[in-house]
C-alpha atoms as a PDB file:
ATOM      1  CA  MET A   1      -7.505  -3.833  15.333  1.00  0.00           C
ATOM      2  CA  PRO A   2      -7.680  -6.936  13.701  1.00  0.00           C
ATOM      3  CA  ALA A   3      -6.228 -10.461  15.759  1.00  0.00           C
ATOM      4  CA  VAL A   4      -4.725 -12.662  13.899  1.00  0.00           C
ATOM      5  CA  THR A   5      -4.258 -16.024  15.260  1.00  0.00           C
ATOM      6  CA  ILE A   6      -1.501 -18.314  14.149  1.00  0.00           C
ATOM      7  CA  ARG A   7      -1.604 -22.157  14.469  1.00  0.00           C
ATOM      8  CA  ASN A   8       0.717 -25.367  13.984  1.00  0.00           C
ATOM      9  CA  LEU A   9       4.090 -22.893  14.467  1.00  0.00           C
ATOM     10  CA  SER A  10       7.357 -25.654  14.524  1.00  0.00           C
ATOM     11  CA  GLU A  11       9.252 -25.665  17.878  1.00  0.00           C
ATOM     12  CA  GLU A  12      12.448 -24.178  16.340  1.00  0.00           C
ATOM     13  CA  ALA A  13      10.346 -21.356  14.401  1.00  0.00           C
ATOM     14  CA  HIS A  14       9.085 -19.941  17.072  1.00  0.00           C
ATOM     15  CA  ARG A  15      12.043 -20.060  19.106  1.00  0.00           C
ATOM     16  CA  ALA A  16      13.994 -18.367  16.713  1.00  0.00           C
ATOM     17  CA  LEU A  17      11.422 -15.532  16.607  1.00  0.00           C
ATOM     18  CA  LYS A  18      11.536 -14.961  19.878  1.00  0.00           C
ATOM     19  CA  VAL A  19      15.619 -14.895  19.159  1.00  0.00           C
ATOM     20  CA  ARG A  20      15.094 -12.509  16.864  1.00  0.00           C
ATOM     21  CA  ALA A  21      12.888 -10.429  18.476  1.00  0.00           C
ATOM     22  CA  ALA A  22      15.099 -10.402  21.676  1.00  0.00           C
ATOM     23  CA  ARG A  23      17.981  -9.135  19.021  1.00  0.00           C
ATOM     24  CA  HIS A  24      15.954  -6.268  18.058  1.00  0.00           C
ATOM     25  CA  GLY A  25      14.706  -5.386  21.827  1.00  0.00           C
ATOM     26  CA  ARG A  26      10.871  -5.936  21.179  1.00  0.00           C
ATOM     27  CA  SER A  27       8.456  -8.568  21.864  1.00  0.00           C
ATOM     28  CA  THR A  28       7.916 -11.821  19.810  1.00  0.00           C
ATOM     29  CA  GLU A  29       4.633 -10.391  19.117  1.00  0.00           C
ATOM     30  CA  ALA A  30       5.430  -6.674  17.475  1.00  0.00           C
ATOM     31  CA  GLU A  31       8.295  -8.644  15.908  1.00  0.00           C
ATOM     32  CA  MET A  32       5.674 -11.254  13.927  1.00  0.00           C
ATOM     33  CA  ARG A  33       3.733  -7.315  13.419  1.00  0.00           C
ATOM     34  CA  ALA A  34       6.872  -6.320  11.908  1.00  0.00           C
ATOM     35  CA  ILE A  35       7.958  -8.773   9.664  1.00  0.00           C
ATOM     36  CA  LEU A  36       4.302  -9.288   8.612  1.00  0.00           C
ATOM     37  CA  GLU A  37       4.208  -5.583   7.298  1.00  0.00           C
ATOM     38  CA  GLY A  38       7.722  -5.827   5.758  1.00  0.00           C
ATOM     39  CA  ALA A  39       6.295  -8.428   3.735  1.00  0.00           C
ATOM     40  CA  VAL A  40       3.657  -6.673   2.563  1.00  0.00           C
ATOM     41  CA  ARG A  41       3.778  -3.272   2.330  1.00  0.00           C
ATOM     42  CA  PRO A  42       7.464  -3.149   1.458  1.00  0.00           C
ATOM     43  CA  ALA A  43       9.366   0.801   1.738  1.00  0.00           C
ATOM     44  CA  GLN A  44      10.384   0.174  -1.887  1.00  0.00           C
ATOM     45  CA  ARG A  45       6.590  -0.513  -2.844  1.00  0.00           C
ATOM     46  CA  VAL A  46       5.630   1.474  -6.429  1.00  0.00           C
ATOM     47  CA  ARG A  47       2.776   4.041  -5.223  1.00  0.00           C
ATOM     48  CA  LEU A  48       0.508   4.826  -7.419  1.00  0.00           C
ATOM     49  CA  GLY A  49       0.702   9.163  -6.601  1.00  0.00           C
ATOM     50  CA  THR A  50       3.826   9.245  -7.055  1.00  0.00           C
ATOM     51  CA  ALA A  51       3.431   6.887 -10.525  1.00  0.00           C
ATOM     52  CA  LEU A  52       1.040   8.979 -12.421  1.00  0.00           C
ATOM     53  CA  SER A  53       2.361  12.666 -10.907  1.00  0.00           C
ATOM     54  CA  ARG A  54       6.328  11.343 -12.710  1.00  0.00           C
ATOM     55  CA  LEU A  55       4.491   9.605 -15.881  1.00  0.00           C
ATOM     56  CA  SER A  56       2.667  13.431 -15.942  1.00  0.00           C
ATOM     57  CA  ARG A  57       6.117  15.147 -15.396  1.00  0.00           C
ATOM     58  CA  LYS A  58       7.780  12.856 -18.230  1.00  0.00           C
ATOM     59  CA  ALA A  59       5.057  13.670 -21.203  1.00  0.00           C
ATOM     60  CA  GLY A  60       5.947  17.580 -19.891  1.00  0.00           C
ATOM     61  CA  LEU A  61       1.807  18.112 -18.440  1.00  0.00           C
ATOM     62  CA  THR A  62       1.468  21.292 -16.230  1.00  0.00           C
ATOM     63  CA  ASN A  63      -0.875  22.502 -13.954  1.00  0.00           C
ATOM     64  CA  ALA A  64      -2.175  24.713 -16.314  1.00  0.00           C
ATOM     65  CA  ASP A  65      -3.075  22.032 -18.771  1.00  0.00           C
ATOM     66  CA  PHE A  66      -5.071  19.925 -16.161  1.00  0.00           C
ATOM     67  CA  GLU A  67      -6.616  23.859 -15.945  1.00  0.00           C
ATOM     68  CA  GLY A  68      -7.892  23.383 -19.556  1.00  0.00           C
ATOM     69  CA  LEU A  69      -8.822  20.165 -18.793  1.00  0.00           C
ATOM     70  CA  ASP A  70     -11.598  21.002 -15.781  1.00  0.00           C
ATOM     71  CA  GLN A  71     -12.531  23.831 -18.281  1.00  0.00           C
ATOM     72  CA  VAL A  72     -13.903  22.314 -21.216  1.00  0.00           C
ATOM     73  CA  ARG A  73     -15.398  18.974 -19.255  1.00  0.00           C
ATOM     74  CA  ASP A  74     -18.684  17.863 -18.973  1.00  0.00           C
ATOM     75  CA  ILE A  75     -20.227  18.496 -15.412  1.00  0.00           C
ATOM     76  CA  LYS A  76     -23.850  16.938 -16.329  1.00  0.00           C
ATOM     77  CA  PRO A  77     -23.855  13.696 -14.639  1.00  0.00           C
ATOM     78  CA  ALA A  78     -23.658  10.454 -16.725  1.00  0.00           C
ATOM     79  CA  GLU A  79     -26.408   8.334 -17.584  1.00  0.00           C
ATOM     80  CA  PRO A  80     -26.984   5.171 -16.233  1.00  0.00           C
ATOM     81  CA  LEU A  81     -26.872   2.802 -19.323  1.00  0.00           C
ATOM     82  CA  SER A  82     -30.046   1.012 -19.698  1.00  0.00           C
ATOM     83  CA  PHE A  83     -29.717  -3.378 -20.612  1.00  0.00           C
ATOM     84  CA  GLU A  84     -33.409  -3.570 -21.594  1.00  0.00           C
END
Protein backbone atom coordinates (compact mmCIF):
# COMPACT_ATOMS: atom_id res chain seq x y z
CA MET A 1 0.00 0.00 0.00
CA PRO A 2 1.38 3.43 -0.90
CA ALA A 3 2.60 5.76 1.80
CA VAL A 4 2.36 9.56 1.69
CA THR A 5 4.43 12.07 3.61
CA ILE A 6 3.04 15.55 4.18
CA ARG A 7 5.72 18.12 4.75
CA ASN A 8 5.42 21.69 6.05
CA LEU A 9 1.99 21.22 7.64
CA SER A 10 1.35 24.14 9.96
CA GLU A 11 1.09 23.51 13.70
CA GLU A 12 -2.45 24.89 13.64
CA ALA A 13 -3.54 22.46 10.92
CA HIS A 14 -1.90 19.54 12.72
CA ARG A 15 -3.58 20.47 15.99
CA ALA A 16 -6.97 20.85 14.28
CA LEU A 17 -6.47 17.47 12.62
CA LYS A 18 -5.76 15.84 15.97
CA VAL A 19 -8.89 17.40 17.48
CA ARG A 20 -11.01 16.30 14.51
CA ALA A 21 -9.60 12.76 14.77
CA ALA A 22 -10.41 12.62 18.48
CA ARG A 23 -13.98 13.77 17.79
CA HIS A 24 -14.38 10.92 15.31
CA GLY A 25 -12.71 8.41 17.61
CA ARG A 26 -9.79 7.55 15.35
CA SER A 27 -6.10 8.19 15.02
CA THR A 28 -4.72 11.25 13.27
CA GLU A 29 -3.47 9.03 10.46
CA ALA A 30 -6.89 7.39 10.05
CA GLU A 31 -8.50 10.83 9.99
CA MET A 32 -6.14 11.97 7.23
CA ARG A 33 -7.01 8.84 5.22
CA ALA A 34 -10.72 9.53 5.66
CA ILE A 35 -10.30 13.16 4.55
CA LEU A 36 -8.30 12.18 1.47
CA GLU A 37 -10.68 9.36 0.50
CA GLY A 38 -13.65 11.70 0.85
CA ALA A 39 -11.97 14.36 -1.26
CA VAL A 40 -10.93 12.17 -4.16
CA ARG A 41 -13.75 9.59 -4.06
CA PRO A 42 -16.95 11.43 -3.15
CA ALA A 43 -19.99 9.23 -2.52
CA GLN A 44 -22.15 11.10 -5.06
CA ARG A 45 -19.70 10.66 -7.96
CA VAL A 46 -21.10 9.44 -11.25
CA ARG A 47 -20.15 5.85 -11.98
CA LEU A 48 -19.72 4.99 -15.64
CA GLY A 49 -21.62 1.69 -15.54
CA THR A 50 -24.55 3.25 -13.73
CA ALA A 51 -24.65 6.18 -16.15
CA LEU A 52 -24.58 3.90 -19.20
CA SER A 53 -27.27 1.65 -17.76
CA ARG A 54 -29.50 4.64 -17.00
CA LEU A 55 -28.93 6.02 -20.51
CA SER A 56 -29.81 2.72 -22.20
CA ARG A 57 -32.98 2.34 -20.11
CA LYS A 58 -33.98 5.90 -21.00
CA ALA A 59 -33.47 5.07 -24.71
CA GLY A 60 -35.66 1.97 -24.30
CA LEU A 61 -32.95 -0.62 -24.98
CA THR A 62 -33.41 -4.16 -23.70
CA ASN A 63 -31.17 -7.20 -23.33
CA ALA A 64 -32.66 -8.52 -26.58
CA ASP A 65 -31.24 -5.48 -28.40
CA PHE A 66 -27.75 -6.26 -27.19
CA GLU A 67 -28.12 -9.98 -27.95
CA GLY A 68 -29.07 -9.05 -31.51
CA LEU A 69 -25.92 -6.98 -31.83
CA ASP A 70 -23.81 -9.92 -30.65
CA GLN A 71 -25.30 -12.14 -33.34
CA VAL A 72 -24.46 -9.81 -36.23
CA ARG A 73 -21.15 -8.38 -35.17
CA ASP A 74 -17.98 -9.38 -36.94
CA ILE A 75 -15.89 -11.52 -34.60
CA LYS A 76 -12.83 -11.51 -36.88
CA PRO A 77 -10.00 -9.50 -35.28
CA ALA A 78 -9.40 -6.09 -36.82
CA GLU A 79 -6.46 -5.70 -39.16
CA PRO A 80 -3.80 -3.36 -37.78
CA LEU A 81 -3.34 -0.09 -39.65
CA SER A 82 -0.33 0.32 -41.86
CA PHE A 83 1.23 3.79 -42.13
CA GLU A 84 3.60 2.94 -44.96
